[in-house]
Structure formats: C-alpha cells, structure tokens
PDB file of all heavy atoms in Angstrom:
ATOM      1  N   GLU A   1      36.979  25.402 -15.040  1.00  0.00           N
ATOM      2  CA  GLU A   1      38.410  25.369 -15.537  1.00  0.00           C
ATOM      3  C   GLU A   1      39.215  26.539 -14.959  1.00  0.00           C
ATOM      4  O   GLU A   1      40.447  26.386 -14.756  1.00  0.00           O
ATOM      5  CB  GLU A   1      38.462  25.494 -17.060  1.00  0.00           C
ATOM      6  CG  GLU A   1      37.814  24.338 -17.799  1.00  0.00           C
ATOM      7  CD  GLU A   1      36.367  24.320 -17.964  1.00  0.00           C
ATOM      8  OE1 GLU A   1      35.774  25.544 -18.018  1.00  0.00           O
ATOM      9  OE2 GLU A   1      35.678  23.353 -18.046  1.00  0.00           O
ATOM     10  N   ASP A   2      38.487  27.691 -14.675  1.00  0.00           N
ATOM     11  CA  ASP A   2      39.169  28.794 -14.103  1.00  0.00           C
ATOM     12  C   ASP A   2      39.717  28.514 -12.664  1.00  0.00           C
ATOM     13  O   ASP A   2      40.671  29.124 -12.330  1.00  0.00           O
ATOM     14  CB  ASP A   2      38.288  30.010 -14.040  1.00  0.00           C
ATOM     15  CG  ASP A   2      37.797  30.497 -15.442  1.00  0.00           C
ATOM     16  OD1 ASP A   2      38.525  30.137 -16.458  1.00  0.00           O
ATOM     17  OD2 ASP A   2      36.763  31.075 -15.604  1.00  0.00           O
ATOM     18  N   TYR A   3      39.077  27.583 -12.083  1.00  0.00           N
ATOM     19  CA  TYR A   3      39.540  27.344 -10.690  1.00  0.00           C
ATOM     20  C   TYR A   3      40.492  26.153 -10.619  1.00  0.00           C
ATOM     21  O   TYR A   3      41.012  25.806  -9.626  1.00  0.00           O
ATOM     22  CB  TYR A   3      38.241  26.854  -9.931  1.00  0.00           C
ATOM     23  CG  TYR A   3      37.377  27.995  -9.589  1.00  0.00           C
ATOM     24  CD1 TYR A   3      36.239  28.217 -10.300  1.00  0.00           C
ATOM     25  CD2 TYR A   3      37.573  28.848  -8.449  1.00  0.00           C
ATOM     26  CE1 TYR A   3      35.355  29.268 -10.037  1.00  0.00           C
ATOM     27  CE2 TYR A   3      36.774  29.844  -8.178  1.00  0.00           C
ATOM     28  CZ  TYR A   3      35.661  30.072  -9.044  1.00  0.00           C
ATOM     29  OH  TYR A   3      34.863  31.226  -8.710  1.00  0.00           O
ATOM     30  N   ALA A   4      40.728  25.535 -11.707  1.00  0.00           N
ATOM     31  CA  ALA A   4      41.610  24.349 -11.754  1.00  0.00           C
ATOM     32  C   ALA A   4      43.025  24.632 -11.287  1.00  0.00           C
ATOM     33  O   ALA A   4      43.561  23.940 -10.547  1.00  0.00           O
ATOM     34  CB  ALA A   4      41.667  23.763 -13.210  1.00  0.00           C
ATOM     35  N   PHE A   5      43.586  25.891 -11.618  1.00  0.00           N
ATOM     36  CA  PHE A   5      44.868  26.249 -11.194  1.00  0.00           C
ATOM     37  C   PHE A   5      44.913  26.495  -9.698  1.00  0.00           C
ATOM     38  O   PHE A   5      45.985  26.219  -8.983  1.00  0.00           O
ATOM     39  CB  PHE A   5      45.270  27.530 -11.794  1.00  0.00           C
ATOM     40  CG  PHE A   5      44.665  28.824 -11.238  1.00  0.00           C
ATOM     41  CD1 PHE A   5      45.287  29.477 -10.250  1.00  0.00           C
ATOM     42  CD2 PHE A   5      43.395  29.226 -11.755  1.00  0.00           C
ATOM     43  CE1 PHE A   5      44.702  30.729  -9.727  1.00  0.00           C
ATOM     44  CE2 PHE A   5      42.872  30.370 -11.215  1.00  0.00           C
ATOM     45  CZ  PHE A   5      43.451  31.047 -10.114  1.00  0.00           C
ATOM     46  N   LEU A   6      43.786  26.767  -9.004  1.00  0.00           N
ATOM     47  CA  LEU A   6      43.746  26.841  -7.591  1.00  0.00           C
ATOM     48  C   LEU A   6      43.973  25.531  -6.852  1.00  0.00           C
ATOM     49  O   LEU A   6      44.511  25.592  -5.751  1.00  0.00           O
ATOM     50  CB  LEU A   6      42.390  27.525  -7.176  1.00  0.00           C
ATOM     51  CG  LEU A   6      42.116  28.972  -7.589  1.00  0.00           C
ATOM     52  CD1 LEU A   6      40.780  29.387  -7.240  1.00  0.00           C
ATOM     53  CD2 LEU A   6      43.276  29.972  -6.973  1.00  0.00           C
ATOM     54  N   GLU A   7      43.497  24.608  -7.452  1.00  0.00           N
ATOM     55  CA  GLU A   7      43.719  23.206  -6.896  1.00  0.00           C
ATOM     56  C   GLU A   7      45.120  22.882  -6.840  1.00  0.00           C
ATOM     57  O   GLU A   7      45.676  22.380  -5.839  1.00  0.00           O
ATOM     58  CB  GLU A   7      42.964  22.225  -7.701  1.00  0.00           C
ATOM     59  CG  GLU A   7      41.926  21.445  -6.817  1.00  0.00           C
ATOM     60  CD  GLU A   7      41.135  20.565  -7.638  1.00  0.00           C
ATOM     61  OE1 GLU A   7      41.721  19.718  -8.468  1.00  0.00           O
ATOM     62  OE2 GLU A   7      39.922  20.517  -7.440  1.00  0.00           O
ATOM     63  N   THR A   8      45.870  23.061  -7.980  1.00  0.00           N
ATOM     64  CA  THR A   8      47.260  22.776  -7.969  1.00  0.00           C
ATOM     65  C   THR A   8      48.015  23.747  -7.097  1.00  0.00           C
ATOM     66  O   THR A   8      48.968  23.319  -6.441  1.00  0.00           O
ATOM     67  CB  THR A   8      47.806  22.819  -9.378  1.00  0.00           C
ATOM     68  OG1 THR A   8      47.476  24.109  -9.873  1.00  0.00           O
ATOM     69  CG2 THR A   8      47.090  21.792 -10.269  1.00  0.00           C
ATOM     70  N   SER A   9      47.657  24.958  -7.123  1.00  0.00           N
ATOM     71  CA  SER A   9      48.419  26.022  -6.333  1.00  0.00           C
ATOM     72  C   SER A   9      48.132  25.690  -4.822  1.00  0.00           C
ATOM     73  O   SER A   9      49.012  25.950  -4.041  1.00  0.00           O
ATOM     74  CB  SER A   9      48.072  27.419  -6.676  1.00  0.00           C
ATOM     75  OG  SER A   9      46.776  27.709  -6.374  1.00  0.00           O
ATOM     76  N   GLY A  10      47.011  25.203  -4.564  1.00  0.00           N
ATOM     77  CA  GLY A  10      46.716  24.943  -3.095  1.00  0.00           C
ATOM     78  C   GLY A  10      47.603  23.835  -2.576  1.00  0.00           C
ATOM     79  O   GLY A  10      48.090  23.952  -1.453  1.00  0.00           O
ATOM     80  N   SER A  11      47.750  22.870  -3.406  1.00  0.00           N
ATOM     81  CA  SER A  11      48.670  21.760  -2.932  1.00  0.00           C
ATOM     82  C   SER A  11      50.088  22.163  -2.860  1.00  0.00           C
ATOM     83  O   SER A  11      50.914  21.779  -2.042  1.00  0.00           O
ATOM     84  CB  SER A  11      48.485  20.515  -3.777  1.00  0.00           C
ATOM     85  OG  SER A  11      48.898  20.752  -5.189  1.00  0.00           O
ATOM     86  N   SER A  12      50.394  23.162  -3.852  1.00  0.00           N
ATOM     87  CA  SER A  12      51.833  23.561  -3.892  1.00  0.00           C
ATOM     88  C   SER A  12      52.144  24.543  -2.709  1.00  0.00           C
ATOM     89  O   SER A  12      53.239  24.792  -2.573  1.00  0.00           O
ATOM     90  CB  SER A  12      52.121  24.234  -5.175  1.00  0.00           C
ATOM     91  OG  SER A  12      51.415  25.342  -5.335  1.00  0.00           O
ATOM     92  N   THR A  13      51.159  25.170  -2.135  1.00  0.00           N
ATOM     93  CA  THR A  13      51.446  26.069  -1.006  1.00  0.00           C
ATOM     94  C   THR A  13      52.023  25.332   0.179  1.00  0.00           C
ATOM     95  O   THR A  13      52.831  25.856   0.917  1.00  0.00           O
ATOM     96  CB  THR A  13      50.187  26.870  -0.622  1.00  0.00           C
ATOM     97  OG1 THR A  13      49.197  25.977  -0.271  1.00  0.00           O
ATOM     98  CG2 THR A  13      49.840  27.847  -1.639  1.00  0.00           C
ATOM     99  N   GLU A  14      51.657  24.115   0.326  1.00  0.00           N
ATOM    100  CA  GLU A  14      52.234  23.296   1.411  1.00  0.00           C
ATOM    101  C   GLU A  14      53.791  23.118   1.124  1.00  0.00           C
ATOM    102  O   GLU A  14      54.545  23.212   2.091  1.00  0.00           O
ATOM    103  CB  GLU A  14      51.513  21.968   1.461  1.00  0.00           C
ATOM    104  CG  GLU A  14      50.017  22.092   1.891  1.00  0.00           C
ATOM    105  CD  GLU A  14      49.276  20.807   1.588  1.00  0.00           C
ATOM    106  OE1 GLU A  14      49.937  19.870   1.202  1.00  0.00           O
ATOM    107  OE2 GLU A  14      48.102  20.718   1.840  1.00  0.00           O
ATOM    108  N   GLY A  15      54.093  22.843  -0.086  1.00  0.00           N
ATOM    109  CA  GLY A  15      55.504  22.541  -0.443  1.00  0.00           C
ATOM    110  C   GLY A  15      56.192  23.876  -0.854  1.00  0.00           C
ATOM    111  O   GLY A  15      57.328  23.715  -1.225  1.00  0.00           O
ATOM    112  N   TYR A  16      55.593  24.956  -0.726  1.00  0.00           N
ATOM    113  CA  TYR A  16      56.117  26.283  -1.184  1.00  0.00           C
ATOM    114  C   TYR A  16      57.418  26.566  -0.387  1.00  0.00           C
ATOM    115  O   TYR A  16      58.410  26.886  -0.970  1.00  0.00           O
ATOM    116  CB  TYR A  16      55.136  27.350  -1.017  1.00  0.00           C
ATOM    117  CG  TYR A  16      55.625  28.710  -1.306  1.00  0.00           C
ATOM    118  CD1 TYR A  16      55.922  29.085  -2.639  1.00  0.00           C
ATOM    119  CD2 TYR A  16      56.015  29.656  -0.285  1.00  0.00           C
ATOM    120  CE1 TYR A  16      56.432  30.300  -2.834  1.00  0.00           C
ATOM    121  CE2 TYR A  16      56.446  30.853  -0.519  1.00  0.00           C
ATOM    122  CZ  TYR A  16      56.739  31.253  -1.870  1.00  0.00           C
ATOM    123  OH  TYR A  16      57.263  32.411  -2.156  1.00  0.00           O
ATOM    124  N   THR A  17      57.315  26.426   0.879  1.00  0.00           N
ATOM    125  CA  THR A  17      58.521  26.752   1.779  1.00  0.00           C
ATOM    126  C   THR A  17      59.668  25.771   1.473  1.00  0.00           C
ATOM    127  O   THR A  17      60.866  26.195   1.355  1.00  0.00           O
ATOM    128  CB  THR A  17      58.164  26.760   3.176  1.00  0.00           C
ATOM    129  OG1 THR A  17      57.619  25.438   3.518  1.00  0.00           O
ATOM    130  CG2 THR A  17      57.306  27.723   3.603  1.00  0.00           C
ATOM    131  N   GLU A  18      59.357  24.510   1.192  1.00  0.00           N
ATOM    132  CA  GLU A  18      60.344  23.557   0.840  1.00  0.00           C
ATOM    133  C   GLU A  18      60.954  23.927  -0.550  1.00  0.00           C
ATOM    134  O   GLU A  18      62.214  23.901  -0.671  1.00  0.00           O
ATOM    135  CB  GLU A  18      59.728  22.175   0.848  1.00  0.00           C
ATOM    136  CG  GLU A  18      59.321  21.647   2.177  1.00  0.00           C
ATOM    137  CD  GLU A  18      58.663  20.368   2.087  1.00  0.00           C
ATOM    138  OE1 GLU A  18      58.524  19.709   0.960  1.00  0.00           O
ATOM    139  OE2 GLU A  18      58.158  19.841   3.168  1.00  0.00           O
ATOM    140  N   ASP A  19      60.085  24.232  -1.560  1.00  0.00           N
ATOM    141  CA  ASP A  19      60.584  24.580  -2.824  1.00  0.00           C
ATOM    142  C   ASP A  19      61.410  25.928  -2.731  1.00  0.00           C
ATOM    143  O   ASP A  19      62.397  26.013  -3.363  1.00  0.00           O
ATOM    144  CB  ASP A  19      59.394  24.821  -3.780  1.00  0.00           C
ATOM    145  CG  ASP A  19      58.602  23.529  -4.156  1.00  0.00           C
ATOM    146  OD1 ASP A  19      59.337  22.475  -3.859  1.00  0.00           O
ATOM    147  OD2 ASP A  19      57.595  23.519  -4.694  1.00  0.00           O
ATOM    148  N   LYS A  20      60.930  26.866  -1.870  1.00  0.00           N
ATOM    149  CA  LYS A  20      61.677  28.028  -1.792  1.00  0.00           C
ATOM    150  C   LYS A  20      63.046  27.798  -1.132  1.00  0.00           C
ATOM    151  O   LYS A  20      64.041  28.315  -1.669  1.00  0.00           O
ATOM    152  CB  LYS A  20      60.876  29.018  -0.858  1.00  0.00           C
ATOM    153  CG  LYS A  20      61.523  30.340  -0.735  1.00  0.00           C
ATOM    154  CD  LYS A  20      60.739  31.218   0.143  1.00  0.00           C
ATOM    155  CE  LYS A  20      61.374  32.597   0.309  1.00  0.00           C
ATOM    156  NZ  LYS A  20      60.625  33.509   1.270  1.00  0.00           N
ATOM    157  N   VAL A  21      63.152  26.903  -0.160  1.00  0.00           N
ATOM    158  CA  VAL A  21      64.449  26.602   0.400  1.00  0.00           C
ATOM    159  C   VAL A  21      65.390  25.926  -0.548  1.00  0.00           C
ATOM    160  O   VAL A  21      66.567  26.229  -0.771  1.00  0.00           O
ATOM    161  CB  VAL A  21      64.226  25.798   1.683  1.00  0.00           C
ATOM    162  CG1 VAL A  21      65.607  25.271   2.128  1.00  0.00           C
ATOM    163  CG2 VAL A  21      63.545  26.646   2.775  1.00  0.00           C
ATOM    164  N   ALA A  22      64.674  25.060  -1.264  1.00  0.00           N
ATOM    165  CA  ALA A  22      65.489  24.295  -2.337  1.00  0.00           C
ATOM    166  C   ALA A  22      66.015  25.278  -3.501  1.00  0.00           C
ATOM    167  O   ALA A  22      67.097  25.054  -3.836  1.00  0.00           O
ATOM    168  CB  ALA A  22      64.609  23.160  -2.942  1.00  0.00           C
ATOM    169  N   LEU A  23      65.119  26.127  -3.892  1.00  0.00           N
ATOM    170  CA  LEU A  23      65.556  27.181  -4.877  1.00  0.00           C
ATOM    171  C   LEU A  23      66.601  28.019  -4.419  1.00  0.00           C
ATOM    172  O   LEU A  23      67.592  28.410  -5.160  1.00  0.00           O
ATOM    173  CB  LEU A  23      64.301  27.951  -5.343  1.00  0.00           C
ATOM    174  CG  LEU A  23      63.355  27.331  -6.277  1.00  0.00           C
ATOM    175  CD1 LEU A  23      62.038  28.183  -6.498  1.00  0.00           C
ATOM    176  CD2 LEU A  23      63.964  26.978  -7.555  1.00  0.00           C
ATOM    177  N   GLU A  24      66.465  28.471  -3.030  1.00  0.00           N
ATOM    178  CA  GLU A  24      67.506  29.352  -2.572  1.00  0.00           C
ATOM    179  C   GLU A  24      68.826  28.532  -2.349  1.00  0.00           C
ATOM    180  O   GLU A  24      69.941  29.152  -2.612  1.00  0.00           O
ATOM    181  CB  GLU A  24      67.080  29.741  -1.115  1.00  0.00           C
ATOM    182  CG  GLU A  24      65.969  30.949  -1.144  1.00  0.00           C
ATOM    183  CD  GLU A  24      65.585  31.317   0.253  1.00  0.00           C
ATOM    184  OE1 GLU A  24      66.030  30.774   1.233  1.00  0.00           O
ATOM    185  OE2 GLU A  24      64.702  32.272   0.278  1.00  0.00           O
ATOM    186  N   ASP A  25      68.734  27.277  -2.071  1.00  0.00           N
ATOM    187  CA  ASP A  25      69.967  26.370  -1.919  1.00  0.00           C
ATOM    188  C   ASP A  25      70.626  26.340  -3.259  1.00  0.00           C
ATOM    189  O   ASP A  25      71.858  26.499  -3.448  1.00  0.00           O
ATOM    190  CB  ASP A  25      69.657  25.083  -1.400  1.00  0.00           C
ATOM    191  CG  ASP A  25      69.396  25.106   0.206  1.00  0.00           C
ATOM    192  OD1 ASP A  25      69.752  26.249   0.757  1.00  0.00           O
ATOM    193  OD2 ASP A  25      68.955  24.167   0.707  1.00  0.00           O
ATOM    194  N   ASP A  26      69.817  26.085  -4.363  1.00  0.00           N
ATOM    195  CA  ASP A  26      70.225  25.975  -5.712  1.00  0.00           C
ATOM    196  C   ASP A  26      70.881  27.319  -6.155  1.00  0.00           C
ATOM    197  O   ASP A  26      72.019  27.287  -6.759  1.00  0.00           O
ATOM    198  CB  ASP A  26      69.168  25.615  -6.695  1.00  0.00           C
ATOM    199  CG  ASP A  26      68.790  24.104  -6.538  1.00  0.00           C
ATOM    200  OD1 ASP A  26      69.431  23.399  -5.871  1.00  0.00           O
ATOM    201  OD2 ASP A  26      67.736  23.774  -7.184  1.00  0.00           O
ATOM    202  N   TRP A  27      70.201  28.372  -5.831  1.00  0.00           N
ATOM    203  CA  TRP A  27      70.811  29.760  -6.262  1.00  0.00           C
ATOM    204  C   TRP A  27      72.109  29.951  -5.550  1.00  0.00           C
ATOM    205  O   TRP A  27      73.021  30.402  -6.123  1.00  0.00           O
ATOM    206  CB  TRP A  27      69.750  30.757  -5.826  1.00  0.00           C
ATOM    207  CG  TRP A  27      70.229  32.106  -6.094  1.00  0.00           C
ATOM    208  CD1 TRP A  27      70.162  32.783  -7.325  1.00  0.00           C
ATOM    209  CD2 TRP A  27      70.676  33.132  -5.216  1.00  0.00           C
ATOM    210  NE1 TRP A  27      70.652  33.985  -7.280  1.00  0.00           N
ATOM    211  CE2 TRP A  27      70.963  34.347  -6.002  1.00  0.00           C
ATOM    212  CE3 TRP A  27      70.940  33.118  -3.896  1.00  0.00           C
ATOM    213  CZ2 TRP A  27      71.494  35.427  -5.329  1.00  0.00           C
ATOM    214  CZ3 TRP A  27      71.489  34.170  -3.345  1.00  0.00           C
ATOM    215  CH2 TRP A  27      71.751  35.421  -4.020  1.00  0.00           C
ATOM    216  N   LYS A  28      72.159  29.578  -4.133  1.00  0.00           N
ATOM    217  CA  LYS A  28      73.407  29.827  -3.479  1.00  0.00           C
ATOM    218  C   LYS A  28      74.558  28.932  -4.037  1.00  0.00           C
ATOM    219  O   LYS A  28      75.691  29.392  -4.197  1.00  0.00           O
ATOM    220  CB  LYS A  28      73.213  29.460  -1.959  1.00  0.00           C
ATOM    221  CG  LYS A  28      72.435  30.544  -1.263  1.00  0.00           C
ATOM    222  CD  LYS A  28      72.258  30.130   0.262  1.00  0.00           C
ATOM    223  CE  LYS A  28      71.399  31.181   0.994  1.00  0.00           C
ATOM    224  NZ  LYS A  28      71.239  30.679   2.365  1.00  0.00           N
ATOM    225  N   ASP A  29      74.172  27.669  -4.393  1.00  0.00           N
ATOM    226  CA  ASP A  29      75.118  26.781  -4.971  1.00  0.00           C
ATOM    227  C   ASP A  29      75.665  27.323  -6.322  1.00  0.00           C
ATOM    228  O   ASP A  29      76.958  27.317  -6.608  1.00  0.00           O
ATOM    229  CB  ASP A  29      74.583  25.448  -5.217  1.00  0.00           C
ATOM    230  CG  ASP A  29      74.353  24.649  -3.794  1.00  0.00           C
ATOM    231  OD1 ASP A  29      74.845  25.099  -2.787  1.00  0.00           O
ATOM    232  OD2 ASP A  29      73.651  23.628  -3.935  1.00  0.00           O
ATOM    233  N   LYS A  30      74.790  27.798  -7.134  1.00  0.00           N
ATOM    234  CA  LYS A  30      75.004  28.395  -8.420  1.00  0.00           C
ATOM    235  C   LYS A  30      76.018  29.676  -8.220  1.00  0.00           C
ATOM    236  O   LYS A  30      76.910  29.921  -8.983  1.00  0.00           O
ATOM    237  CB  LYS A  30      73.905  28.776  -9.271  1.00  0.00           C
ATOM    238  CG  LYS A  30      73.226  27.482  -9.839  1.00  0.00           C
ATOM    239  CD  LYS A  30      71.959  27.842 -10.611  1.00  0.00           C
ATOM    240  CE  LYS A  30      71.293  26.652 -11.179  1.00  0.00           C
ATOM    241  NZ  LYS A  30      70.014  27.034 -11.914  1.00  0.00           N
TER     242      LYS A  30
END
C-alpha cells in the first residue's frame, strides 16, 4: 500500500509537463 502512490505518480510524471503548462496557462489567464 505504501508503494501504491508511486504507481499513480509514475504515470503522472509523463503528464507532469502538460499539467504544469496547463496550470501555468490557467494561472496566467486568472
């Protein structure tokens, strides 16, 4: 169970840059 978060975070590292860009765009828009 302690490693479960690593699985989700591992898949999210691929989309991290996309999420980061999206968050930055949202922040800029706001």
